[in-house]
Amino acid sequence: MQTLAAMKQVTGKVTQIQLMSRNYSTYSTTGDAVAMIYMDELPDACGHSGYRRVGITSDHPAFQVVLSAAMAAKISGQTVQMHYIDTCTVWNSNVWDFAILKLI
């Protein structure tokens, strides 16, 4: 029987958005991008101090919509509800896995 990770949520403001390639150490136009959405209300991702962020990769079906909504929320100062999975598998084990973004 498979055990699923718990989904959690926070409500607050997007403080920063970081965009990068999964292979950021060398320039390449191939592969996936990673978007990291920072919120002060998030706990440190998987115990990594200072990494209060949720990540989503460009191969996710909602990547463009989520990124656009996060940017709009950041620019306008709108409050959002961020749902995330209690795992850090998206990138480098220091970013929560994205689940749902709700603009409220």
PDB file of N, CA and C in Angstrom:
ATOM      1  N   MET A   1       0.835  -1.184   0.000  1.00  0.00           N
ATOM      2  CA  MET A   1       0.000   0.000   0.000  1.00  0.00           C
ATOM      3  C   MET A   1       0.878   1.247   0.000  1.00  0.00           C
ATOM      4  N   GLN A   2       0.583   2.202  -0.888  1.00  0.00           N
ATOM      5  CA  GLN A   2       1.362   3.423  -1.020  1.00  0.00           C
ATOM      6  C   GLN A   2       0.923   4.451   0.016  1.00  0.00           C
ATOM      7  N   THR A   3       1.886   5.069   0.682  1.00  0.00           N
ATOM      8  CA  THR A   3       1.601   6.136   1.623  1.00  0.00           C
ATOM      9  C   THR A   3       1.808   7.470   0.914  1.00  0.00           C
ATOM     10  N   LEU A   4       0.807   8.317   0.944  1.00  0.00           N
ATOM     11  CA  LEU A   4       0.897   9.616   0.298  1.00  0.00           C
ATOM     12  C   LEU A   4       1.372  10.664   1.293  1.00  0.00           C
ATOM     13  N   ALA A   5       2.153  11.621   0.800  1.00  0.00           N
ATOM     14  CA  ALA A   5       2.609  12.724   1.642  1.00  0.00           C
ATOM     15  C   ALA A   5       1.433  13.647   1.929  1.00  0.00           C
ATOM     16  N   ALA A   6       1.487  14.301   3.060  1.00  0.00           N
ATOM     17  CA  ALA A   6       0.411  15.205   3.464  1.00  0.00           C
ATOM     18  C   ALA A   6       0.467  16.509   2.666  1.00  0.00           C
ATOM     19  N   MET A   7      -0.718  17.032   2.323  1.00  0.00           N
ATOM     20  CA  MET A   7      -0.796  18.350   1.707  1.00  0.00           C
ATOM     21  C   MET A   7      -0.999  19.369   2.814  1.00  0.00           C
ATOM     22  N   LYS A   8      -0.261  20.470   2.724  1.00  0.00           N
ATOM     23  CA  LYS A   8      -0.360  21.544   3.706  1.00  0.00           C
ATOM     24  C   LYS A   8      -0.640  22.841   2.974  1.00  0.00           C
ATOM     25  N   GLN A   9      -0.989  23.882   3.721  1.00  0.00           N
ATOM     26  CA  GLN A   9      -1.255  25.175   3.098  1.00  0.00           C
ATOM     27  C   GLN A   9      -0.863  26.323   4.008  1.00  0.00           C
ATOM     28  N   VAL A  10      -0.547  27.440   3.365  1.00  0.00           N
ATOM     29  CA  VAL A  10      -0.306  28.696   4.066  1.00  0.00           C
ATOM     30  C   VAL A  10      -1.016  29.802   3.290  1.00  0.00           C
ATOM     31  N   THR A  11      -1.291  30.898   3.963  1.00  0.00           N
ATOM     32  CA  THR A  11      -1.893  32.066   3.337  1.00  0.00           C
ATOM     33  C   THR A  11      -1.000  33.258   3.600  1.00  0.00           C
ATOM     34  N   GLY A  12      -0.704  34.017   2.549  1.00  0.00           N
ATOM     35  CA  GLY A  12       0.152  35.186   2.695  1.00  0.00           C
ATOM     36  C   GLY A  12       0.467  35.799   1.345  1.00  0.00           C
ATOM     37  N   LYS A  13       1.612  36.465   1.261  1.00  0.00           N
ATOM     38  CA  LYS A  13       2.020  37.177   0.050  1.00  0.00           C
ATOM     39  C   LYS A  13       3.254  36.519  -0.561  1.00  0.00           C
ATOM     40  N   VAL A  14       3.311  36.542  -1.880  1.00  0.00           N
ATOM     41  CA  VAL A  14       4.493  36.071  -2.594  1.00  0.00           C
ATOM     42  C   VAL A  14       5.569  37.139  -2.414  1.00  0.00           C
ATOM     43  N   THR A  15       6.714  36.750  -1.875  1.00  0.00           N
ATOM     44  CA  THR A  15       7.789  37.713  -1.621  1.00  0.00           C
ATOM     45  C   THR A  15       8.833  37.738  -2.724  1.00  0.00           C
ATOM     46  N   GLN A  16       8.933  36.643  -3.473  1.00  0.00           N
ATOM     47  CA  GLN A  16       9.980  36.552  -4.480  1.00  0.00           C
ATOM     48  C   GLN A  16       9.682  35.356  -5.396  1.00  0.00           C
ATOM     49  N   ILE A  17      10.133  35.445  -6.627  1.00  0.00           N
ATOM     50  CA  ILE A  17      10.020  34.330  -7.570  1.00  0.00           C
ATOM     51  C   ILE A  17      11.385  34.132  -8.204  1.00  0.00           C
ATOM     52  N   GLN A  18      11.861  32.908  -8.188  1.00  0.00           N
ATOM     53  CA  GLN A  18      13.166  32.573  -8.776  1.00  0.00           C
ATOM     54  C   GLN A  18      12.936  31.611  -9.940  1.00  0.00           C
ATOM     55  N   LEU A  19      13.514  31.930 -11.089  1.00  0.00           N
ATOM     56  CA  LEU A  19      13.385  31.098 -12.286  1.00  0.00           C
ATOM     57  C   LEU A  19      14.767  30.637 -12.709  1.00  0.00           C
ATOM     58  N   MET A  20      14.873  29.353 -13.028  1.00  0.00           N
ATOM     59  CA  MET A  20      16.166  28.832 -13.430  1.00  0.00           C
ATOM     60  C   MET A  20      16.008  27.495 -14.133  1.00  0.00           C
ATOM     61  N   SER A  21      17.076  27.047 -14.747  1.00  0.00           N
ATOM     62  CA  SER A  21      17.126  25.732 -15.358  1.00  0.00           C
ATOM     63  C   SER A  21      17.460  24.705 -14.279  1.00  0.00           C
ATOM     64  N   ARG A  22      17.030  23.481 -14.473  1.00  0.00           N
ATOM     65  CA  ARG A  22      17.453  22.429 -13.542  1.00  0.00           C
ATOM     66  C   ARG A  22      18.969  22.264 -13.581  1.00  0.00           C
ATOM     67  N   ASN A  23      19.556  22.530 -14.733  1.00  0.00           N
ATOM     68  CA  ASN A  23      21.014  22.501 -14.901  1.00  0.00           C
ATOM     69  C   ASN A  23      21.525  23.927 -15.010  1.00  0.00           C
ATOM     70  N   TYR A  24      21.512  24.652 -13.919  1.00  0.00           N
ATOM     71  CA  TYR A  24      21.855  26.071 -13.954  1.00  0.00           C
ATOM     72  C   TYR A  24      23.357  26.332 -14.039  1.00  0.00           C
ATOM     73  N   SER A  25      24.188  25.337 -13.774  1.00  0.00           N
ATOM     74  CA  SER A  25      25.632  25.572 -13.734  1.00  0.00           C
ATOM     75  C   SER A  25      26.274  25.676 -15.124  1.00  0.00           C
ATOM     76  N   THR A  26      25.569  25.215 -16.158  1.00  0.00           N
ATOM     77  CA  THR A  26      26.052  25.385 -17.525  1.00  0.00           C
ATOM     78  C   THR A  26      24.895  25.864 -18.379  1.00  0.00           C
ATOM     79  N   TYR A  27      25.180  26.751 -19.306  1.00  0.00           N
ATOM     80  CA  TYR A  27      24.116  27.276 -20.159  1.00  0.00           C
ATOM     81  C   TYR A  27      23.640  26.200 -21.127  1.00  0.00           C
ATOM     82  N   SER A  28      22.322  26.024 -21.180  1.00  0.00           N
ATOM     83  CA  SER A  28      21.737  25.069 -22.105  1.00  0.00           C
ATOM     84  C   SER A  28      20.296  25.473 -22.380  1.00  0.00           C
ATOM     85  N   THR A  29      19.857  25.261 -23.597  1.00  0.00           N
ATOM     86  CA  THR A  29      18.461  25.556 -23.939  1.00  0.00           C
ATOM     87  C   THR A  29      17.612  24.293 -23.937  1.00  0.00           C
ATOM     88  N   THR A  30      18.148  23.209 -23.418  1.00  0.00           N
ATOM     89  CA  THR A  30      17.390  21.961 -23.312  1.00  0.00           C
ATOM     90  C   THR A  30      17.088  21.667 -21.849  1.00  0.00           C
ATOM     91  N   GLY A  31      16.118  20.834 -21.626  1.00  0.00           N
ATOM     92  CA  GLY A  31      15.772  20.442 -20.261  1.00  0.00           C
ATOM     93  C   GLY A  31      14.640  21.280 -19.696  1.00  0.00           C
ATOM     94  N   ASP A  32      14.372  21.063 -18.418  1.00  0.00           N
ATOM     95  CA  ASP A  32      13.255  21.718 -17.738  1.00  0.00           C
ATOM     96  C   ASP A  32      13.704  22.936 -16.956  1.00  0.00           C
ATOM     97  N   ALA A  33      12.777  23.872 -16.793  1.00  0.00           N
ATOM     98  CA  ALA A  33      12.974  25.026 -15.928  1.00  0.00           C
ATOM     99  C   ALA A  33      12.356  24.727 -14.568  1.00  0.00           C
ATOM    100  N   VAL A  34      12.790  25.463 -13.574  1.00  0.00           N
ATOM    101  CA  VAL A  34      12.230  25.379 -12.229  1.00  0.00           C
ATOM    102  C   VAL A  34      11.827  26.790 -11.815  1.00  0.00           C
ATOM    103  N   ALA A  35      10.603  26.931 -11.323  1.00  0.00           N
ATOM    104  CA  ALA A  35      10.153  28.187 -10.738  1.00  0.00           C
ATOM    105  C   ALA A  35       9.974  27.954  -9.246  1.00  0.00           C
ATOM    106  N   MET A  36      10.571  28.824  -8.449  1.00  0.00           N
ATOM    107  CA  MET A  36      10.444  28.742  -6.999  1.00  0.00           C
ATOM    108  C   MET A  36       9.712  29.979  -6.509  1.00  0.00           C
ATOM    109  N   ILE A  37       8.644  29.748  -5.782  1.00  0.00           N
ATOM    110  CA  ILE A  37       7.795  30.821  -5.268  1.00  0.00           C
ATOM    111  C   ILE A  37       8.026  30.913  -3.764  1.00  0.00           C
ATOM    112  N   TYR A  38       8.514  32.062  -3.326  1.00  0.00           N
ATOM    113  CA  TYR A  38       8.850  32.282  -1.921  1.00  0.00           C
ATOM    114  C   TYR A  38       7.708  32.981  -1.194  1.00  0.00           C
ATOM    115  N   MET A  39       7.454  32.543   0.037  1.00  0.00           N
ATOM    116  CA  MET A  39       6.483  33.183   0.930  1.00  0.00           C
ATOM    117  C   MET A  39       7.025  33.086   2.345  1.00  0.00           C
ATOM    118  N   ASP A  40       6.971  34.182   3.092  1.00  0.00           N
ATOM    119  CA  ASP A  40       7.453  34.174   4.483  1.00  0.00           C
ATOM    120  C   ASP A  40       6.673  33.202   5.354  1.00  0.00           C
ATOM    121  N   GLU A  41       5.429  32.927   4.994  1.00  0.00           N
ATOM    122  CA  GLU A  41       4.572  32.059   5.805  1.00  0.00           C
ATOM    123  C   GLU A  41       4.926  30.577   5.672  1.00  0.00           C
ATOM    124  N   LEU A  42       5.668  30.217   4.638  1.00  0.00           N
ATOM    125  CA  LEU A  42       6.072  28.816   4.461  1.00  0.00           C
ATOM    126  C   LEU A  42       7.116  28.425   5.498  1.00  0.00           C
ATOM    127  N   PRO A  43       7.072  27.205   5.983  1.00  0.00           N
ATOM    128  CA  PRO A  43       8.155  26.731   6.848  1.00  0.00           C
ATOM    129  C   PRO A  43       9.397  26.457   5.984  1.00  0.00           C
ATOM    130  N   ASP A  44      10.548  26.349   6.615  1.00  0.00           N
ATOM    131  CA  ASP A  44      11.761  26.002   5.886  1.00  0.00           C
ATOM    132  C   ASP A  44      11.545  24.678   5.165  1.00  0.00           C
ATOM    133  N   ALA A  45      11.878  24.644   3.880  1.00  0.00           N
ATOM    134  CA  ALA A  45      11.629  23.462   3.055  1.00  0.00           C
ATOM    135  C   ALA A  45      12.494  22.292   3.500  1.00  0.00           C
ATOM    136  N   CYS A  46      11.837  21.267   3.985  1.00  0.00           N
ATOM    137  CA  CYS A  46      12.506  20.020   4.410  1.00  0.00           C
ATOM    138  C   CYS A  46      13.690  20.282   5.328  1.00  0.00           C
ATOM    139  N   GLY A  47      13.546  21.282   6.203  1.00  0.00           N
ATOM    140  CA  GLY A  47      14.559  21.553   7.212  1.00  0.00           C
ATOM    141  C   GLY A  47      15.737  22.398   6.760  1.00  0.00           C
ATOM    142  N   HIS A  48      15.706  22.918   5.525  1.00  0.00           N
ATOM    143  CA  HIS A  48      16.802  23.750   5.019  1.00  0.00           C
ATOM    144  C   HIS A  48      16.527  25.208   5.365  1.00  0.00           C
ATOM    145  N   SER A  49      17.226  25.722   6.333  1.00  0.00           N
ATOM    146  CA  SER A  49      17.009  27.064   6.845  1.00  0.00           C
ATOM    147  C   SER A  49      17.088  28.127   5.748  1.00  0.00           C
ATOM    148  N   GLY A  50      16.078  28.989   5.719  1.00  0.00           N
ATOM    149  CA  GLY A  50      16.049  30.100   4.785  1.00  0.00           C
ATOM    150  C   GLY A  50      15.398  29.800   3.452  1.00  0.00           C
ATOM    151  N   TYR A  51      15.032  28.552   3.202  1.00  0.00           N
ATOM    152  CA  TYR A  51      14.412  28.178   1.934  1.00  0.00           C
ATOM    153  C   TYR A  51      12.908  28.020   2.113  1.00  0.00           C
ATOM    154  N   ARG A  52      12.227  29.124   2.274  1.00  0.00           N
ATOM    155  CA  ARG A  52      10.767  29.134   2.454  1.00  0.00           C
ATOM    156  C   ARG A  52      10.126  29.296   1.077  1.00  0.00           C
ATOM    157  N   ARG A  53      10.091  28.185   0.341  1.00  0.00           N
ATOM    158  CA  ARG A  53       9.664  28.255  -1.046  1.00  0.00           C
ATOM    159  C   ARG A  53       9.004  26.965  -1.506  1.00  0.00           C
ATOM    160  N   VAL A  54       8.202  27.122  -2.557  1.00  0.00           N
ATOM    161  CA  VAL A  54       7.539  26.006  -3.223  1.00  0.00           C
ATOM    162  C   VAL A  54       8.065  25.987  -4.653  1.00  0.00           C
ATOM    163  N   GLY A  55       8.289  24.792  -5.192  1.00  0.00           N
ATOM    164  CA  GLY A  55       8.816  24.691  -6.543  1.00  0.00           C
ATOM    165  C   GLY A  55       7.870  23.978  -7.495  1.00  0.00           C
ATOM    166  N   ILE A  56       7.937  24.393  -8.754  1.00  0.00           N
ATOM    167  CA  ILE A  56       7.183  23.752  -9.824  1.00  0.00           C
ATOM    168  C   ILE A  56       8.075  23.733 -11.059  1.00  0.00           C
ATOM    169  N   THR A  57       8.062  22.642 -11.793  1.00  0.00           N
ATOM    170  CA  THR A  57       8.912  22.520 -12.971  1.00  0.00           C
ATOM    171  C   THR A  57       8.102  22.730 -14.249  1.00  0.00           C
ATOM    172  N   SER A  58       8.822  23.084 -15.306  1.00  0.00           N
ATOM    173  CA  SER A  58       8.159  23.420 -16.572  1.00  0.00           C
ATOM    174  C   SER A  58       7.463  22.236 -17.227  1.00  0.00           C
ATOM    175  N   ASP A  59       7.714  21.022 -16.762  1.00  0.00           N
ATOM    176  CA  ASP A  59       6.991  19.877 -17.313  1.00  0.00           C
ATOM    177  C   ASP A  59       5.643  19.645 -16.607  1.00  0.00           C
ATOM    178  N   HIS A  60       5.338  20.451 -15.582  1.00  0.00           N
ATOM    179  CA  HIS A  60       4.042  20.385 -14.894  1.00  0.00           C
ATOM    180  C   HIS A  60       2.980  20.986 -15.816  1.00  0.00           C
ATOM    181  N   PRO A  61       1.803  20.359 -15.939  1.00  0.00           N
ATOM    182  CA  PRO A  61       0.787  20.864 -16.870  1.00  0.00           C
ATOM    183  C   PRO A  61       0.287  22.275 -16.561  1.00  0.00           C
ATOM    184  N   ALA A  62       0.388  22.732 -15.330  1.00  0.00           N
ATOM    185  CA  ALA A  62      -0.099  24.069 -14.969  1.00  0.00           C
ATOM    186  C   ALA A  62       1.036  25.078 -14.795  1.00  0.00           C
ATOM    187  N   PHE A  63       2.242  24.748 -15.240  1.00  0.00           N
ATOM    188  CA  PHE A  63       3.412  25.597 -15.001  1.00  0.00           C
ATOM    189  C   PHE A  63       3.170  27.043 -15.434  1.00  0.00           C
ATOM    190  N   GLN A  64       2.766  27.272 -16.662  1.00  0.00           N
ATOM    191  CA  GLN A  64       2.613  28.640 -17.166  1.00  0.00           C
ATOM    192  C   GLN A  64       1.529  29.413 -16.420  1.00  0.00           C
ATOM    193  N   VAL A  65       0.430  28.757 -16.106  1.00  0.00           N
ATOM    194  CA  VAL A  65      -0.652  29.412 -15.380  1.00  0.00           C
ATOM    195  C   VAL A  65      -0.217  29.753 -13.956  1.00  0.00           C
ATOM    196  N   VAL A  66       0.438  28.809 -13.285  1.00  0.00           N
ATOM    197  CA  VAL A  66       0.900  29.038 -11.913  1.00  0.00           C
ATOM    198  C   VAL A  66       1.926  30.166 -11.877  1.00  0.00           C
ATOM    199  N   LEU A  67       2.872  30.140 -12.797  1.00  0.00           N
ATOM    200  CA  LEU A  67       3.889  31.187 -12.840  1.00  0.00           C
ATOM    201  C   LEU A  67       3.259  32.552 -13.106  1.00  0.00           C
ATOM    202  N   SER A  68       2.332  32.622 -14.035  1.00  0.00           N
ATOM    203  CA  SER A  68       1.644  33.885 -14.334  1.00  0.00           C
ATOM    204  C   SER A  68       0.867  34.390 -13.118  1.00  0.00           C
ATOM    205  N   ALA A  69       0.159  33.494 -12.447  1.00  0.00           N
ATOM    206  CA  ALA A  69      -0.621  33.885 -11.264  1.00  0.00           C
ATOM    207  C   ALA A  69       0.297  34.343 -10.136  1.00  0.00           C
ATOM    208  N   ALA A  70       1.407  33.645  -9.941  1.00  0.00           N
ATOM    209  CA  ALA A  70       2.351  34.031  -8.887  1.00  0.00           C
ATOM    210  C   ALA A  70       2.958  35.401  -9.179  1.00  0.00           C
ATOM    211  N   MET A  71       3.295  35.652 -10.440  1.00  0.00           N
ATOM    212  CA  MET A  71       3.847  36.963 -10.810  1.00  0.00           C
ATOM    213  C   MET A  71       2.819  38.071 -10.605  1.00  0.00           C
ATOM    214  N   ALA A  72       1.584  37.808 -11.009  1.00  0.00           N
ATOM    215  CA  ALA A  72       0.520  38.797 -10.822  1.00  0.00           C
ATOM    216  C   ALA A  72       0.309  39.091  -9.336  1.00  0.00           C
ATOM    217  N   ALA A  73       0.323  38.045  -8.514  1.00  0.00           N
ATOM    218  CA  ALA A  73       0.142  38.222  -7.067  1.00  0.00           C
ATOM    219  C   ALA A  73       1.305  39.005  -6.471  1.00  0.00           C
ATOM    220  N   LYS A  74       2.509  38.724  -6.912  1.00  0.00           N
ATOM    221  CA  LYS A  74       3.699  39.428  -6.408  1.00  0.00           C
ATOM    222  C   LYS A  74       3.628  40.904  -6.767  1.00  0.00           C
ATOM    223  N   ILE A  75       3.349  41.189  -8.034  1.00  0.00           N
ATOM    224  CA  ILE A  75       3.316  42.577  -8.505  1.00  0.00           C
ATOM    225  C   ILE A  75       2.200  43.378  -7.840  1.00  0.00           C
ATOM    226  N   SER A  76       1.033  42.758  -7.663  1.00  0.00           N
ATOM    227  CA  SER A  76      -0.118  43.473  -7.112  1.00  0.00           C
ATOM    228  C   SER A  76      -0.182  43.450  -5.585  1.00  0.00           C
ATOM    229  N   GLY A  77       0.606  42.571  -4.965  1.00  0.00           N
ATOM    230  CA  GLY A  77       0.550  42.450  -3.509  1.00  0.00           C
ATOM    231  C   GLY A  77      -0.657  41.669  -3.033  1.00  0.00           C
ATOM    232  N   GLN A  78      -1.280  40.909  -3.930  1.00  0.00           N
ATOM    233  CA  GLN A  78      -2.477  40.145  -3.581  1.00  0.00           C
ATOM    234  C   GLN A  78      -2.118  38.970  -2.671  1.00  0.00           C
ATOM    235  N   THR A  79      -3.000  38.676  -1.747  1.00  0.00           N
ATOM    236  CA  THR A  79      -2.845  37.524  -0.866  1.00  0.00           C
ATOM    237  C   THR A  79      -3.165  36.250  -1.632  1.00  0.00           C
ATOM    238  N   VAL A  80      -2.376  35.208  -1.367  1.00  0.00           N
ATOM    239  CA  VAL A  80      -2.595  33.909  -2.004  1.00  0.00           C
ATOM    240  C   VAL A  80      -2.666  32.823  -0.942  1.00  0.00           C
ATOM    241  N   GLN A  81      -3.259  31.732  -1.323  1.00  0.00           N
ATOM    242  CA  GLN A  81      -3.242  30.526  -0.504  1.00  0.00           C
ATOM    243  C   GLN A  81      -2.409  29.503  -1.271  1.00  0.00           C
ATOM    244  N   MET A  82      -1.292  29.088  -0.691  1.00  0.00           N
ATOM    245  CA  MET A  82      -0.391  28.139  -1.329  1.00  0.00           C
ATOM    246  C   MET A  82      -0.556  26.779  -0.669  1.00  0.00           C
ATOM    247  N   HIS A  83      -0.869  25.788  -1.465  1.00  0.00           N
ATOM    248  CA  HIS A  83      -0.935  24.417  -0.997  1.00  0.00           C
ATOM    249  C   HIS A  83       0.318  23.722  -1.512  1.00  0.00           C
ATOM    250  N   TYR A  84       0.937  22.936  -0.667  1.00  0.00           N
ATOM    251  CA  TYR A  84       2.154  22.233  -1.062  1.00  0.00           C
ATOM    252  C   TYR A  84       2.158  20.837  -0.453  1.00  0.00           C
ATOM    253  N   ILE A  85       2.930  19.968  -1.088  1.00  0.00           N
ATOM    254  CA  ILE A  85       3.066  18.600  -0.599  1.00  0.00           C
ATOM    255  C   ILE A  85       4.242  18.560   0.381  1.00  0.00           C
ATOM    256  N   ASP A  86       4.097  17.830   1.425  1.00  0.00           N
ATOM    257  CA  ASP A  86       5.120  17.757   2.478  1.00  0.00           C
ATOM    258  C   ASP A  86       6.297  16.869   2.035  1.00  0.00           C
ATOM    259  N   THR A  87       6.805  17.166   0.841  1.00  0.00           N
ATOM    260  CA  THR A  87       7.987  16.487   0.302  1.00  0.00           C
ATOM    261  C   THR A  87       8.810  17.513  -0.464  1.00  0.00           C
ATOM    262  N   CYS A  88      10.052  17.205  -0.695  1.00  0.00           N
ATOM    263  CA  CYS A  88      10.956  18.100  -1.427  1.00  0.00           C
ATOM    264  C   CYS A  88      11.641  17.319  -2.544  1.00  0.00           C
ATOM    265  N   THR A  89      10.878  16.967  -3.574  1.00  0.00           N
ATOM    266  CA  THR A  89      11.426  16.157  -4.666  1.00  0.00           C
ATOM    267  C   THR A  89      11.628  16.946  -5.957  1.00  0.00           C
ATOM    268  N   VAL A  90      11.095  18.172  -6.039  1.00  0.00           N
ATOM    269  CA  VAL A  90      11.142  18.949  -7.275  1.00  0.00           C
ATOM    270  C   VAL A  90      12.563  19.298  -7.672  1.00  0.00           C
ATOM    271  N   TRP A  91      13.371  19.775  -6.715  1.00  0.00           N
ATOM    272  CA  TRP A  91      14.721  20.223  -7.056  1.00  0.00           C
ATOM    273  C   TRP A  91      15.598  20.272  -5.808  1.00  0.00           C
ATOM    274  N   ASN A  92      16.664  19.563  -5.802  1.00  0.00           N
ATOM    275  CA  ASN A  92      17.746  19.700  -4.828  1.00  0.00           C
ATOM    276  C   ASN A  92      17.338  19.503  -3.364  1.00  0.00           C
ATOM    277  N   SER A  93      16.208  18.911  -3.105  1.00  0.00           N
ATOM    278  CA  SER A  93      15.742  18.597  -1.750  1.00  0.00           C
ATOM    279  C   SER A  93      15.611  19.800  -0.822  1.00  0.00           C
ATOM    280  N   ASN A  94      15.445  21.017  -1.392  1.00  0.00           N
ATOM    281  CA  ASN A  94      15.289  22.184  -0.522  1.00  0.00           C
ATOM    282  C   ASN A  94      14.198  23.140  -1.007  1.00  0.00           C
ATOM    283  N   VAL A  95      13.160  22.554  -1.604  1.00  0.00           N
ATOM    284  CA  VAL A  95      12.002  23.330  -2.039  1.00  0.00           C
ATOM    285  C   VAL A  95      10.767  22.423  -1.936  1.00  0.00           C
ATOM    286  N   TRP A  96       9.716  22.925  -1.289  1.00  0.00           N
ATOM    287  CA  TRP A  96       8.485  22.137  -1.172  1.00  0.00           C
ATOM    288  C   TRP A  96       7.911  21.851  -2.552  1.00  0.00           C
ATOM    289  N   ASP A  97       7.235  20.738  -2.704  1.00  0.00           N
ATOM    290  CA  ASP A  97       6.594  20.370  -3.960  1.00  0.00           C
ATOM    291  C   ASP A  97       5.247  21.088  -4.094  1.00  0.00           C
ATOM    292  N   PHE A  98       5.049  21.774  -5.190  1.00  0.00           N
ATOM    293  CA  PHE A  98       3.836  22.533  -5.461  1.00  0.00           C
ATOM    294  C   PHE A  98       2.606  21.624  -5.537  1.00  0.00           C
ATOM    295  N   ALA A  99       1.469  22.125  -5.072  1.00  0.00           N
ATOM    296  CA  ALA A  99       0.196  21.425  -5.224  1.00  0.00           C
ATOM    297  C   ALA A  99      -0.860  22.353  -5.846  1.00  0.00           C
ATOM    298  N   ILE A 100      -1.200  23.462  -5.166  1.00  0.00           N
ATOM    299  CA  ILE A 100      -2.281  24.342  -5.616  1.00  0.00           C
ATOM    300  C   ILE A 100      -1.931  25.785  -5.243  1.00  0.00           C
ATOM    301  N   LEU A 101      -2.222  26.712  -6.142  1.00  0.00           N
ATOM    302  CA  LEU A 101      -2.092  28.138  -5.838  1.00  0.00           C
ATOM    303  C   LEU A 101      -3.459  28.773  -6.028  1.00  0.00           C
ATOM    304  N   LYS A 102      -3.925  29.460  -4.995  1.00  0.00           N
ATOM    305  CA  LYS A 102      -5.237  30.096  -5.041  1.00  0.00           C
ATOM    306  C   LYS A 102      -5.074  31.578  -4.722  1.00  0.00           C
ATOM    307  N   LEU A 103      -5.512  32.439  -5.635  1.00  0.00           N
ATOM    308  CA  LEU A 103      -5.502  33.879  -5.379  1.00  0.00           C
ATOM    309  C   LEU A 103      -6.775  34.221  -4.638  1.00  0.00           C
ATOM    310  N   ILE A 104      -6.647  34.881  -3.489  1.00  0.00           N
ATOM    311  CA  ILE A 104      -7.844  35.179  -2.681  1.00  0.00           C
ATOM    312  C   ILE A 104      -7.956  36.665  -2.399  1.00  0.00           C
TER     313      ILE A 104
END
